[in-house]
Amino acid sequence: MGAVLLATSLVADLQLIAAAILWGVALYVTETGLSSGVMSSIVSLSGGALLANIISVVLLIIEIFTLRR
C-alpha cells in the first residue's frame, strides 16, 4: 500500500510542476500571455493534483484502519 501512496503523491507533484511550467511559459515566453485556454489548462492540472491528494489521504486512512485490526 505504501507504493500506491507514493505514486499518488508523485502524480500530484508532477501535475503541479507541469502547471507551474505552463504558467511560466505562457507568461514569459509566449506573446499571448495568460489566455483563457492556458488558464483552463492550469486549473485542470491543479484540479487533478487536488484529486490525487484526496485519493492519497483516503488510501492513508484506509491503511491506518487496516493496520489497527
Foldseek 3Di string as FASTA:
>chain_A
DVVLLVVLQVLLVVLLVVLVVLQCCQQPPDPVHDDPVSVVSSVVSNVSSVVSVVVSVVVVVVVVVVVVD
